[in-house]
Amino acid sequence: MKTDITDLKNKLDLMIPSPRCELIYHHDYELLIAVMLSAQCTDKRVNEVTSKLFQKYSLKDLSNIDLHILEKEIHSLGSYTKKALYLKEIAGRLLNDYDGHVPQDRDYLESLPGVGHKTANVVLSELYNVPTMAVDTHVTRVANRLNLVKTADVKKIEKKLMKLFAKEEYNKVNHQLLLLGRYTCTAKNPKCATCLINCPNKNTDN
């Protein structure tokens, strides 16, 4: 059983009419750093860490900070030693290459440490409204449960979703699928009974 795309979009609009990025940022570099830090970590935890981090340190401060101090600042995040190295180098490169700004340049973004294809998609979408499909664990789970795809390969999922939806819909639908997976179509005990979507794998006992 395939999911009807038009019906899916209508139901997503009813459930999540105004999707938005839940990472809190006030400067473009803050978003880039926050997305990098969010790997294997919740946005809520990242926001708790970055709200204090960005109040205490400027981008220049972060490029010069002692790694041990930075590790202490972000120690509640997973892989904090590795992320501290990434963060410091990102700060330095942005300052040296673009005067502290995040460019609309995928190749450059993906050349930064800790910044892969998915992170670049999120940043380009959020900062520059570039149509992208950022595939994380939530999008992967939802796309498979809805039978939109039958694979865990993020590149294949991205390509398939880009075929199923119009280009101008990418960013909105991407956010909606992510938020659906985060709050409703959860990995454990999905809230199927409250979900409006006609999911082929729906379990109304939950």
N, C-alpha and C. Protein backbone atom coordinates (compact mmCIF):
# COMPACT_ATOMS: atom_id res chain seq x y z
N MET A 1 0.84 -1.21 0.00
CA MET A 1 0.00 0.00 0.00
C MET A 1 0.87 1.25 0.00
N LYS A 2 0.64 2.10 -1.01
CA LYS A 2 1.41 3.33 -1.11
C LYS A 2 0.66 4.50 -0.46
N THR A 3 1.42 5.44 0.05
CA THR A 3 0.83 6.63 0.65
C THR A 3 0.49 7.64 -0.44
N ASP A 4 -0.72 8.17 -0.41
CA ASP A 4 -1.14 9.19 -1.37
C ASP A 4 -0.43 10.50 -1.02
N ILE A 5 0.37 11.01 -1.94
CA ILE A 5 1.20 12.18 -1.67
C ILE A 5 0.36 13.44 -1.41
N THR A 6 -0.67 13.63 -2.20
CA THR A 6 -1.53 14.82 -1.99
C THR A 6 -2.20 14.77 -0.63
N ASP A 7 -2.71 13.60 -0.27
CA ASP A 7 -3.34 13.44 1.04
C ASP A 7 -2.30 13.63 2.15
N LEU A 8 -1.10 13.10 1.94
CA LEU A 8 -0.04 13.26 2.94
C LEU A 8 0.28 14.72 3.17
N LYS A 9 0.41 15.48 2.10
CA LYS A 9 0.73 16.91 2.24
C LYS A 9 -0.39 17.65 2.98
N ASN A 10 -1.63 17.31 2.66
CA ASN A 10 -2.77 17.95 3.32
C ASN A 10 -2.77 17.64 4.82
N LYS A 11 -2.50 16.39 5.16
CA LYS A 11 -2.49 15.99 6.57
C LYS A 11 -1.31 16.61 7.32
N LEU A 12 -0.17 16.69 6.66
CA LEU A 12 0.99 17.34 7.27
C LEU A 12 0.71 18.82 7.54
N ASP A 13 0.00 19.46 6.62
CA ASP A 13 -0.35 20.88 6.80
C ASP A 13 -1.31 21.07 7.97
N LEU A 14 -2.18 20.09 8.18
CA LEU A 14 -3.10 20.17 9.31
C LEU A 14 -2.37 19.93 10.63
N MET A 15 -1.47 18.97 10.64
CA MET A 15 -0.77 18.60 11.87
C MET A 15 0.38 19.56 12.20
N ILE A 16 1.10 19.99 11.16
CA ILE A 16 2.29 20.84 11.36
C ILE A 16 2.23 21.97 10.34
N PRO A 17 1.33 22.95 10.57
CA PRO A 17 1.10 24.00 9.58
C PRO A 17 2.27 24.97 9.38
N SER A 18 3.04 25.20 10.43
CA SER A 18 4.14 26.17 10.34
C SER A 18 5.43 25.56 10.87
N PRO A 19 6.00 24.60 10.13
CA PRO A 19 7.22 23.95 10.62
C PRO A 19 8.41 24.90 10.61
N ARG A 20 9.28 24.74 11.57
CA ARG A 20 10.48 25.59 11.62
C ARG A 20 11.61 24.84 12.29
N CYS A 21 12.80 25.32 12.05
CA CYS A 21 13.98 24.75 12.69
C CYS A 21 13.90 25.03 14.19
N GLU A 22 14.16 24.03 15.02
CA GLU A 22 14.04 24.21 16.47
C GLU A 22 15.36 24.57 17.14
N LEU A 23 16.42 24.66 16.35
CA LEU A 23 17.69 25.13 16.90
C LEU A 23 17.63 26.65 17.02
N ILE A 24 18.04 27.17 18.16
CA ILE A 24 17.99 28.61 18.41
C ILE A 24 19.30 29.26 17.99
N TYR A 25 19.21 30.29 17.16
CA TYR A 25 20.42 31.00 16.73
C TYR A 25 20.10 32.46 16.44
N HIS A 26 21.12 33.30 16.53
CA HIS A 26 20.95 34.74 16.27
C HIS A 26 21.90 35.23 15.17
N HIS A 27 22.88 34.41 14.83
CA HIS A 27 23.82 34.72 13.75
C HIS A 27 23.96 33.47 12.89
N ASP A 28 24.32 33.67 11.63
CA ASP A 28 24.42 32.53 10.72
C ASP A 28 25.42 31.48 11.20
N TYR A 29 26.54 31.92 11.75
CA TYR A 29 27.54 30.95 12.21
C TYR A 29 27.03 30.14 13.40
N GLU A 30 26.14 30.73 14.19
CA GLU A 30 25.57 30.01 15.32
C GLU A 30 24.73 28.83 14.84
N LEU A 31 24.00 29.02 13.75
CA LEU A 31 23.21 27.91 13.20
C LEU A 31 24.13 26.80 12.71
N LEU A 32 25.15 27.16 11.94
CA LEU A 32 26.08 26.17 11.42
C LEU A 32 26.70 25.35 12.54
N ILE A 33 27.17 26.03 13.58
CA ILE A 33 27.79 25.33 14.71
C ILE A 33 26.76 24.46 15.43
N ALA A 34 25.57 24.98 15.62
CA ALA A 34 24.52 24.23 16.33
C ALA A 34 24.15 22.95 15.58
N VAL A 35 24.03 23.04 14.26
CA VAL A 35 23.68 21.86 13.47
C VAL A 35 24.81 20.83 13.56
N MET A 36 26.05 21.29 13.50
CA MET A 36 27.18 20.37 13.65
C MET A 36 27.14 19.69 15.01
N LEU A 37 26.85 20.45 16.05
CA LEU A 37 26.82 19.90 17.41
C LEU A 37 25.65 18.93 17.63
N SER A 38 24.61 19.05 16.79
CA SER A 38 23.40 18.26 17.00
C SER A 38 23.54 16.80 16.57
N ALA A 39 24.66 16.44 15.96
CA ALA A 39 24.87 15.05 15.56
C ALA A 39 24.80 14.14 16.78
N GLN A 40 23.94 13.11 16.70
CA GLN A 40 23.76 12.17 17.81
C GLN A 40 23.33 12.86 19.10
N CYS A 41 22.57 13.94 18.97
CA CYS A 41 22.14 14.71 20.14
C CYS A 41 20.84 15.42 19.82
N THR A 42 20.04 15.70 20.84
CA THR A 42 18.76 16.37 20.61
C THR A 42 18.95 17.88 20.45
N ASP A 43 18.03 18.49 19.70
CA ASP A 43 18.08 19.95 19.54
C ASP A 43 17.91 20.64 20.89
N LYS A 44 17.09 20.07 21.75
CA LYS A 44 16.87 20.66 23.07
C LYS A 44 18.17 20.77 23.85
N ARG A 45 18.95 19.69 23.86
CA ARG A 45 20.22 19.70 24.58
C ARG A 45 21.20 20.68 23.94
N VAL A 46 21.22 20.71 22.62
CA VAL A 46 22.11 21.64 21.92
C VAL A 46 21.76 23.08 22.28
N ASN A 47 20.47 23.40 22.29
CA ASN A 47 20.04 24.76 22.64
C ASN A 47 20.46 25.14 24.06
N GLU A 48 20.41 24.17 24.96
CA GLU A 48 20.82 24.44 26.33
C GLU A 48 22.31 24.81 26.39
N VAL A 49 23.10 24.12 25.60
CA VAL A 49 24.55 24.36 25.58
C VAL A 49 24.89 25.65 24.83
N THR A 50 24.33 25.82 23.63
CA THR A 50 24.71 26.97 22.81
C THR A 50 24.18 28.29 23.35
N SER A 51 23.06 28.27 24.07
CA SER A 51 22.55 29.52 24.63
C SER A 51 23.56 30.15 25.58
N LYS A 52 24.28 29.31 26.31
CA LYS A 52 25.32 29.80 27.22
C LYS A 52 26.63 30.06 26.46
N LEU A 53 26.95 29.16 25.54
CA LEU A 53 28.21 29.26 24.81
C LEU A 53 28.30 30.55 24.00
N PHE A 54 27.24 30.87 23.26
CA PHE A 54 27.28 32.04 22.39
C PHE A 54 27.13 33.35 23.16
N GLN A 55 26.62 33.29 24.37
CA GLN A 55 26.58 34.49 25.21
C GLN A 55 27.97 34.81 25.76
N LYS A 56 28.74 33.78 26.04
CA LYS A 56 30.07 33.95 26.64
C LYS A 56 31.16 34.23 25.62
N TYR A 57 31.03 33.64 24.43
CA TYR A 57 32.13 33.71 23.46
C TYR A 57 31.67 34.19 22.09
N SER A 58 32.47 35.07 21.50
CA SER A 58 32.23 35.49 20.12
C SER A 58 32.86 34.45 19.19
N LEU A 59 32.66 34.60 17.90
CA LEU A 59 33.26 33.66 16.95
C LEU A 59 34.79 33.73 17.05
N LYS A 60 35.32 34.93 17.21
CA LYS A 60 36.77 35.09 17.36
C LYS A 60 37.26 34.40 18.63
N ASP A 61 36.49 34.55 19.70
CA ASP A 61 36.85 33.87 20.96
C ASP A 61 36.91 32.36 20.75
N LEU A 62 35.92 31.84 20.03
CA LEU A 62 35.84 30.39 19.81
C LEU A 62 36.99 29.89 18.94
N SER A 63 37.50 30.75 18.06
CA SER A 63 38.61 30.33 17.21
C SER A 63 39.92 30.27 17.98
N ASN A 64 39.98 30.99 19.10
CA ASN A 64 41.21 31.06 19.90
C ASN A 64 41.12 30.33 21.23
N ILE A 65 39.96 29.81 21.56
CA ILE A 65 39.73 29.24 22.88
C ILE A 65 40.58 27.99 23.14
N ASP A 66 40.97 27.79 24.37
CA ASP A 66 41.67 26.58 24.77
C ASP A 66 40.71 25.39 24.64
N LEU A 67 41.19 24.34 24.00
CA LEU A 67 40.31 23.20 23.74
C LEU A 67 39.74 22.59 25.02
N HIS A 68 40.52 22.55 26.08
CA HIS A 68 40.03 21.97 27.33
C HIS A 68 38.86 22.79 27.90
N ILE A 69 38.94 24.10 27.74
CA ILE A 69 37.84 24.97 28.19
C ILE A 69 36.60 24.72 27.34
N LEU A 70 36.81 24.62 26.03
CA LEU A 70 35.68 24.40 25.12
C LEU A 70 35.04 23.03 25.38
N GLU A 71 35.86 22.04 25.66
CA GLU A 71 35.33 20.71 25.98
C GLU A 71 34.44 20.75 27.21
N LYS A 72 34.84 21.53 28.20
CA LYS A 72 34.02 21.66 29.41
C LYS A 72 32.69 22.35 29.10
N GLU A 73 32.74 23.31 28.18
CA GLU A 73 31.52 24.05 27.84
C GLU A 73 30.50 23.17 27.12
N ILE A 74 30.97 22.19 26.35
CA ILE A 74 30.04 21.37 25.55
C ILE A 74 30.06 19.90 25.98
N HIS A 75 30.56 19.63 27.19
CA HIS A 75 30.76 18.24 27.62
C HIS A 75 29.46 17.43 27.70
N SER A 76 28.31 18.10 27.84
CA SER A 76 27.04 17.37 27.95
C SER A 76 26.56 16.83 26.60
N LEU A 77 27.24 17.22 25.52
CA LEU A 77 26.90 16.73 24.19
C LEU A 77 27.72 15.48 23.88
N GLY A 78 27.20 14.60 23.09
CA GLY A 78 27.94 13.41 22.71
C GLY A 78 29.17 13.76 21.88
N SER A 79 30.21 12.95 22.00
CA SER A 79 31.45 13.15 21.24
C SER A 79 32.00 14.57 21.39
N TYR A 80 31.99 15.08 22.63
CA TYR A 80 32.33 16.48 22.84
C TYR A 80 33.79 16.81 22.54
N THR A 81 34.70 15.86 22.70
CA THR A 81 36.11 16.16 22.39
C THR A 81 36.29 16.40 20.90
N LYS A 82 35.66 15.54 20.10
CA LYS A 82 35.73 15.69 18.65
C LYS A 82 35.01 16.95 18.19
N LYS A 83 33.85 17.21 18.78
CA LYS A 83 33.08 18.37 18.39
C LYS A 83 33.78 19.68 18.78
N ALA A 84 34.52 19.67 19.87
CA ALA A 84 35.28 20.86 20.28
C ALA A 84 36.34 21.20 19.23
N LEU A 85 37.01 20.18 18.72
CA LEU A 85 38.00 20.38 17.66
C LEU A 85 37.34 20.95 16.41
N TYR A 86 36.21 20.34 16.03
CA TYR A 86 35.49 20.81 14.85
C TYR A 86 35.06 22.26 15.02
N LEU A 87 34.48 22.56 16.17
CA LEU A 87 33.95 23.90 16.42
C LEU A 87 35.04 24.96 16.31
N LYS A 88 36.16 24.70 16.92
CA LYS A 88 37.26 25.68 16.90
C LYS A 88 37.77 25.89 15.48
N GLU A 89 37.90 24.82 14.72
CA GLU A 89 38.40 24.97 13.35
C GLU A 89 37.38 25.67 12.46
N ILE A 90 36.10 25.35 12.64
CA ILE A 90 35.06 26.03 11.86
C ILE A 90 35.10 27.53 12.11
N ALA A 91 35.22 27.91 13.39
CA ALA A 91 35.27 29.33 13.74
C ALA A 91 36.46 30.01 13.05
N GLY A 92 37.61 29.38 13.10
CA GLY A 92 38.80 29.95 12.49
C GLY A 92 38.68 30.08 10.99
N ARG A 93 38.15 29.05 10.34
CA ARG A 93 38.03 29.09 8.88
C ARG A 93 37.01 30.11 8.41
N LEU A 94 35.89 30.22 9.13
CA LEU A 94 34.89 31.23 8.74
C LEU A 94 35.48 32.63 8.85
N LEU A 95 36.24 32.87 9.90
CA LEU A 95 36.86 34.19 10.09
C LEU A 95 37.90 34.48 9.00
N ASN A 96 38.72 33.49 8.70
CA ASN A 96 39.78 33.68 7.71
C ASN A 96 39.26 33.75 6.28
N ASP A 97 38.24 32.94 5.99
CA ASP A 97 37.78 32.82 4.60
C ASP A 97 36.63 33.75 4.24
N TYR A 98 35.73 34.01 5.20
CA TYR A 98 34.53 34.79 4.88
C TYR A 98 34.20 35.84 5.93
N ASP A 99 35.21 36.31 6.62
CA ASP A 99 35.01 37.37 7.61
C ASP A 99 33.94 37.01 8.65
N GLY A 100 33.86 35.72 8.95
CA GLY A 100 32.94 35.26 9.99
C GLY A 100 31.54 34.92 9.52
N HIS A 101 31.29 35.02 8.23
CA HIS A 101 29.95 34.73 7.70
C HIS A 101 29.90 33.33 7.10
N VAL A 102 28.71 32.78 7.02
CA VAL A 102 28.50 31.46 6.42
C VAL A 102 28.10 31.65 4.97
N PRO A 103 28.89 31.19 4.02
CA PRO A 103 28.58 31.42 2.61
C PRO A 103 27.54 30.46 2.06
N GLN A 104 26.90 30.87 0.99
CA GLN A 104 25.98 29.98 0.27
C GLN A 104 26.80 29.17 -0.72
N ASP A 105 27.58 28.26 -0.18
CA ASP A 105 28.53 27.50 -0.99
C ASP A 105 28.61 26.08 -0.42
N ARG A 106 27.92 25.15 -1.06
CA ARG A 106 27.86 23.78 -0.55
C ARG A 106 29.24 23.14 -0.46
N ASP A 107 30.05 23.30 -1.48
CA ASP A 107 31.37 22.68 -1.47
C ASP A 107 32.20 23.17 -0.30
N TYR A 108 32.13 24.47 -0.05
CA TYR A 108 32.89 25.02 1.08
C TYR A 108 32.35 24.47 2.40
N LEU A 109 31.05 24.49 2.57
CA LEU A 109 30.44 24.01 3.81
C LEU A 109 30.82 22.55 4.08
N GLU A 110 30.76 21.72 3.04
CA GLU A 110 31.06 20.30 3.22
C GLU A 110 32.55 20.05 3.42
N SER A 111 33.37 21.07 3.18
CA SER A 111 34.81 20.93 3.43
C SER A 111 35.16 21.22 4.89
N LEU A 112 34.20 21.77 5.64
CA LEU A 112 34.43 22.09 7.04
C LEU A 112 34.36 20.82 7.89
N PRO A 113 35.16 20.73 8.95
CA PRO A 113 35.15 19.52 9.79
C PRO A 113 33.81 19.33 10.49
N GLY A 114 33.31 18.11 10.45
CA GLY A 114 32.05 17.81 11.11
C GLY A 114 30.82 18.24 10.34
N VAL A 115 31.02 18.81 9.15
CA VAL A 115 29.91 19.29 8.33
C VAL A 115 29.79 18.41 7.09
N GLY A 116 28.80 17.54 7.10
CA GLY A 116 28.58 16.67 5.96
C GLY A 116 27.45 17.17 5.09
N HIS A 117 26.99 16.29 4.22
CA HIS A 117 25.94 16.65 3.26
C HIS A 117 24.65 17.07 3.95
N LYS A 118 24.24 16.32 4.96
CA LYS A 118 22.98 16.63 5.65
C LYS A 118 23.06 17.98 6.35
N THR A 119 24.16 18.24 7.04
CA THR A 119 24.33 19.52 7.74
C THR A 119 24.32 20.68 6.75
N ALA A 120 24.99 20.50 5.63
CA ALA A 120 25.00 21.55 4.60
C ALA A 120 23.58 21.78 4.09
N ASN A 121 22.82 20.72 3.91
CA ASN A 121 21.42 20.86 3.47
C ASN A 121 20.62 21.71 4.44
N VAL A 122 20.76 21.42 5.74
CA VAL A 122 20.02 22.16 6.76
C VAL A 122 20.40 23.64 6.73
N VAL A 123 21.68 23.92 6.67
CA VAL A 123 22.17 25.30 6.70
C VAL A 123 21.73 26.07 5.45
N LEU A 124 21.87 25.47 4.29
CA LEU A 124 21.49 26.14 3.05
C LEU A 124 19.98 26.40 2.99
N SER A 125 19.22 25.43 3.48
CA SER A 125 17.76 25.58 3.51
C SER A 125 17.34 26.69 4.46
N GLU A 126 17.88 26.66 5.68
CA GLU A 126 17.47 27.60 6.72
C GLU A 126 17.96 29.01 6.46
N LEU A 127 19.20 29.16 6.04
CA LEU A 127 19.77 30.50 5.86
C LEU A 127 19.46 31.12 4.50
N TYR A 128 19.41 30.28 3.46
CA TYR A 128 19.30 30.82 2.10
C TYR A 128 18.08 30.30 1.34
N ASN A 129 17.24 29.53 2.00
CA ASN A 129 16.03 28.98 1.38
C ASN A 129 16.34 28.17 0.12
N VAL A 130 17.50 27.53 0.10
CA VAL A 130 17.85 26.63 -1.00
C VAL A 130 17.01 25.36 -0.85
N PRO A 131 16.31 24.91 -1.89
CA PRO A 131 15.50 23.69 -1.78
C PRO A 131 16.37 22.47 -1.52
N THR A 132 16.19 21.84 -0.37
CA THR A 132 16.97 20.65 -0.03
C THR A 132 16.09 19.64 0.70
N MET A 133 16.60 18.43 0.84
CA MET A 133 15.96 17.40 1.64
C MET A 133 17.02 16.84 2.58
N ALA A 134 17.03 17.32 3.80
CA ALA A 134 18.00 16.84 4.79
C ALA A 134 17.43 15.58 5.44
N VAL A 135 18.10 14.47 5.25
CA VAL A 135 17.59 13.19 5.74
C VAL A 135 18.33 12.79 7.02
N ASP A 136 17.61 12.85 8.14
CA ASP A 136 18.16 12.40 9.42
C ASP A 136 17.44 11.12 9.84
N THR A 137 17.64 10.70 11.08
CA THR A 137 17.01 9.46 11.54
C THR A 137 15.48 9.57 11.56
N HIS A 138 14.95 10.75 11.89
CA HIS A 138 13.50 10.94 11.93
C HIS A 138 12.89 10.83 10.53
N VAL A 139 13.50 11.52 9.57
CA VAL A 139 13.00 11.48 8.19
C VAL A 139 13.12 10.07 7.62
N THR A 140 14.21 9.41 7.93
CA THR A 140 14.41 8.03 7.47
C THR A 140 13.31 7.12 7.99
N ARG A 141 13.01 7.23 9.28
CA ARG A 141 11.98 6.39 9.90
C ARG A 141 10.61 6.66 9.30
N VAL A 142 10.23 7.92 9.21
CA VAL A 142 8.91 8.30 8.70
C VAL A 142 8.75 7.89 7.24
N ALA A 143 9.75 8.16 6.43
CA ALA A 143 9.67 7.83 5.00
C ALA A 143 9.49 6.33 4.78
N ASN A 144 10.13 5.53 5.62
CA ASN A 144 9.99 4.08 5.50
C ASN A 144 8.64 3.60 6.01
N ARG A 145 8.19 4.15 7.13
CA ARG A 145 6.89 3.74 7.67
C ARG A 145 5.74 4.11 6.74
N LEU A 146 5.90 5.22 6.02
CA LEU A 146 4.86 5.64 5.09
C LEU A 146 4.99 4.96 3.73
N ASN A 147 6.00 4.07 3.62
CA ASN A 147 6.26 3.36 2.37
C ASN A 147 6.62 4.30 1.22
N LEU A 148 7.17 5.45 1.56
CA LEU A 148 7.66 6.35 0.52
C LEU A 148 8.97 5.80 -0.03
N VAL A 149 9.70 5.10 0.83
CA VAL A 149 10.95 4.44 0.45
C VAL A 149 11.01 3.10 1.17
N LYS A 150 11.93 2.29 0.72
CA LYS A 150 12.18 1.02 1.41
C LYS A 150 13.69 0.83 1.51
N THR A 151 14.33 1.75 2.18
CA THR A 151 15.78 1.72 2.32
C THR A 151 16.20 2.60 3.49
N ALA A 152 17.36 2.31 4.04
CA ALA A 152 17.94 3.14 5.10
C ALA A 152 19.06 4.00 4.54
N ASP A 153 19.31 3.88 3.24
CA ASP A 153 20.37 4.65 2.57
C ASP A 153 19.91 6.11 2.42
N VAL A 154 20.56 7.01 3.15
CA VAL A 154 20.09 8.40 3.18
C VAL A 154 20.15 9.08 1.81
N LYS A 155 21.13 8.72 1.00
CA LYS A 155 21.23 9.32 -0.34
C LYS A 155 20.07 8.88 -1.22
N LYS A 156 19.72 7.60 -1.11
CA LYS A 156 18.59 7.10 -1.89
C LYS A 156 17.27 7.70 -1.41
N ILE A 157 17.16 7.88 -0.09
CA ILE A 157 15.94 8.49 0.47
C ILE A 157 15.82 9.93 -0.01
N GLU A 158 16.92 10.66 0.04
CA GLU A 158 16.92 12.05 -0.41
C GLU A 158 16.47 12.15 -1.87
N LYS A 159 17.03 11.33 -2.72
CA LYS A 159 16.67 11.38 -4.15
C LYS A 159 15.20 11.02 -4.37
N LYS A 160 14.72 10.01 -3.64
CA LYS A 160 13.32 9.59 -3.82
C LYS A 160 12.36 10.68 -3.34
N LEU A 161 12.63 11.28 -2.21
CA LEU A 161 11.76 12.35 -1.70
C LEU A 161 11.75 13.55 -2.65
N MET A 162 12.89 13.82 -3.27
CA MET A 162 12.97 14.94 -4.21
C MET A 162 12.19 14.66 -5.48
N LYS A 163 11.94 13.38 -5.76
CA LYS A 163 11.11 13.02 -6.91
C LYS A 163 9.62 13.08 -6.56
N LEU A 164 9.31 12.77 -5.31
CA LEU A 164 7.90 12.70 -4.89
C LEU A 164 7.27 14.07 -4.66
N PHE A 165 8.09 15.05 -4.32
CA PHE A 165 7.56 16.38 -4.00
C PHE A 165 8.12 17.43 -4.95
N ALA A 166 7.35 18.50 -5.13
CA ALA A 166 7.81 19.60 -5.98
C ALA A 166 8.94 20.34 -5.30
N LYS A 167 9.83 20.91 -6.09
CA LYS A 167 11.02 21.58 -5.57
C LYS A 167 10.66 22.67 -4.56
N GLU A 168 9.61 23.41 -4.85
CA GLU A 168 9.22 24.50 -3.95
C GLU A 168 8.63 23.98 -2.64
N GLU A 169 8.36 22.69 -2.56
CA GLU A 169 7.81 22.09 -1.34
C GLU A 169 8.89 21.46 -0.46
N TYR A 170 10.10 21.29 -0.99
CA TYR A 170 11.14 20.54 -0.29
C TYR A 170 11.33 20.97 1.16
N ASN A 171 11.60 22.25 1.36
CA ASN A 171 11.99 22.70 2.69
C ASN A 171 10.86 22.55 3.71
N LYS A 172 9.66 22.89 3.29
CA LYS A 172 8.52 22.76 4.21
C LYS A 172 8.24 21.29 4.54
N VAL A 173 8.16 20.46 3.52
CA VAL A 173 7.88 19.04 3.73
C VAL A 173 9.00 18.38 4.54
N ASN A 174 10.22 18.75 4.25
CA ASN A 174 11.37 18.21 4.99
C ASN A 174 11.22 18.47 6.49
N HIS A 175 10.91 19.72 6.84
CA HIS A 175 10.71 20.08 8.24
C HIS A 175 9.52 19.32 8.84
N GLN A 176 8.46 19.21 8.06
CA GLN A 176 7.26 18.53 8.56
C GLN A 176 7.53 17.05 8.84
N LEU A 177 8.23 16.38 7.94
CA LEU A 177 8.55 14.96 8.14
C LEU A 177 9.45 14.78 9.36
N LEU A 178 10.41 15.69 9.52
CA LEU A 178 11.32 15.62 10.67
C LEU A 178 10.55 15.79 11.98
N LEU A 179 9.69 16.81 12.03
CA LEU A 179 8.94 17.08 13.25
C LEU A 179 7.89 15.99 13.52
N LEU A 180 7.35 15.43 12.47
CA LEU A 180 6.42 14.30 12.63
C LEU A 180 7.14 13.14 13.31
N GLY A 181 8.35 12.87 12.85
CA GLY A 181 9.13 11.79 13.44
C GLY A 181 9.59 12.08 14.86
N ARG A 182 9.86 13.34 15.13
CA ARG A 182 10.35 13.73 16.45
C ARG A 182 9.26 13.66 17.52
N TYR A 183 8.04 14.03 17.16
CA TYR A 183 6.99 14.15 18.18
C TYR A 183 5.82 13.16 18.06
N THR A 184 5.59 12.63 16.88
CA THR A 184 4.43 11.75 16.70
C THR A 184 4.85 10.35 16.25
N CYS A 185 5.54 10.27 15.13
CA CYS A 185 5.96 8.98 14.59
C CYS A 185 7.32 8.60 15.19
N THR A 186 7.32 8.49 16.51
CA THR A 186 8.55 8.24 17.25
C THR A 186 9.05 6.80 17.08
N ALA A 187 10.34 6.61 17.37
CA ALA A 187 10.94 5.28 17.20
C ALA A 187 10.25 4.25 18.08
N LYS A 188 9.99 4.64 19.33
CA LYS A 188 9.32 3.75 20.27
C LYS A 188 7.95 4.34 20.61
N ASN A 189 6.96 3.49 20.65
CA ASN A 189 5.59 3.90 20.99
C ASN A 189 5.09 5.09 20.16
N PRO A 190 5.08 4.96 18.83
CA PRO A 190 4.57 6.05 17.99
C PRO A 190 3.12 6.36 18.33
N LYS A 191 2.75 7.62 18.26
CA LYS A 191 1.41 8.07 18.65
C LYS A 191 0.45 7.96 17.46
N CYS A 192 0.26 6.75 17.00
CA CYS A 192 -0.55 6.52 15.81
C CYS A 192 -2.01 6.96 15.98
N ALA A 193 -2.55 6.80 17.17
CA ALA A 193 -3.96 7.12 17.41
C ALA A 193 -4.27 8.60 17.22
N THR A 194 -3.26 9.44 17.43
CA THR A 194 -3.47 10.89 17.29
C THR A 194 -2.97 11.42 15.95
N CYS A 195 -2.43 10.54 15.13
CA CYS A 195 -1.88 10.97 13.84
C CYS A 195 -2.96 10.94 12.78
N LEU A 196 -3.05 11.98 11.98
CA LEU A 196 -4.09 12.09 10.95
C LEU A 196 -3.73 11.37 9.66
N ILE A 197 -2.47 11.03 9.50
CA ILE A 197 -2.00 10.48 8.24
C ILE A 197 -2.45 9.03 8.05
N ASN A 198 -2.89 8.71 6.85
CA ASN A 198 -3.32 7.35 6.52
C ASN A 198 -2.09 6.48 6.27
N CYS A 199 -1.42 6.16 7.32
CA CYS A 199 -0.17 5.40 7.23
C CYS A 199 -0.45 3.92 7.02
N PRO A 200 0.22 3.30 6.04
CA PRO A 200 0.00 1.86 5.80
C PRO A 200 0.46 0.98 6.95
N ASN A 201 1.28 1.52 7.83
CA ASN A 201 1.78 0.76 8.99
C ASN A 201 1.17 1.24 10.30
N LYS A 202 0.03 1.88 10.22
CA LYS A 202 -0.57 2.49 11.39
C LYS A 202 -1.02 1.45 12.42
N ASN A 203 -0.71 1.74 13.68
CA ASN A 203 -1.13 0.89 14.79
C ASN A 203 -2.00 1.74 15.71
N THR A 204 -3.30 1.56 15.63
CA THR A 204 -4.23 2.39 16.40
C THR A 204 -4.30 2.03 17.87
N ASP A 205 -3.54 1.00 18.26
CA ASP A 205 -3.53 0.63 19.69
C ASP A 205 -2.65 1.60 20.49
N ASN A 206 -1.80 2.40 19.79
CA ASN A 206 -0.90 3.33 20.48
C ASN A 206 -1.51 4.73 20.54
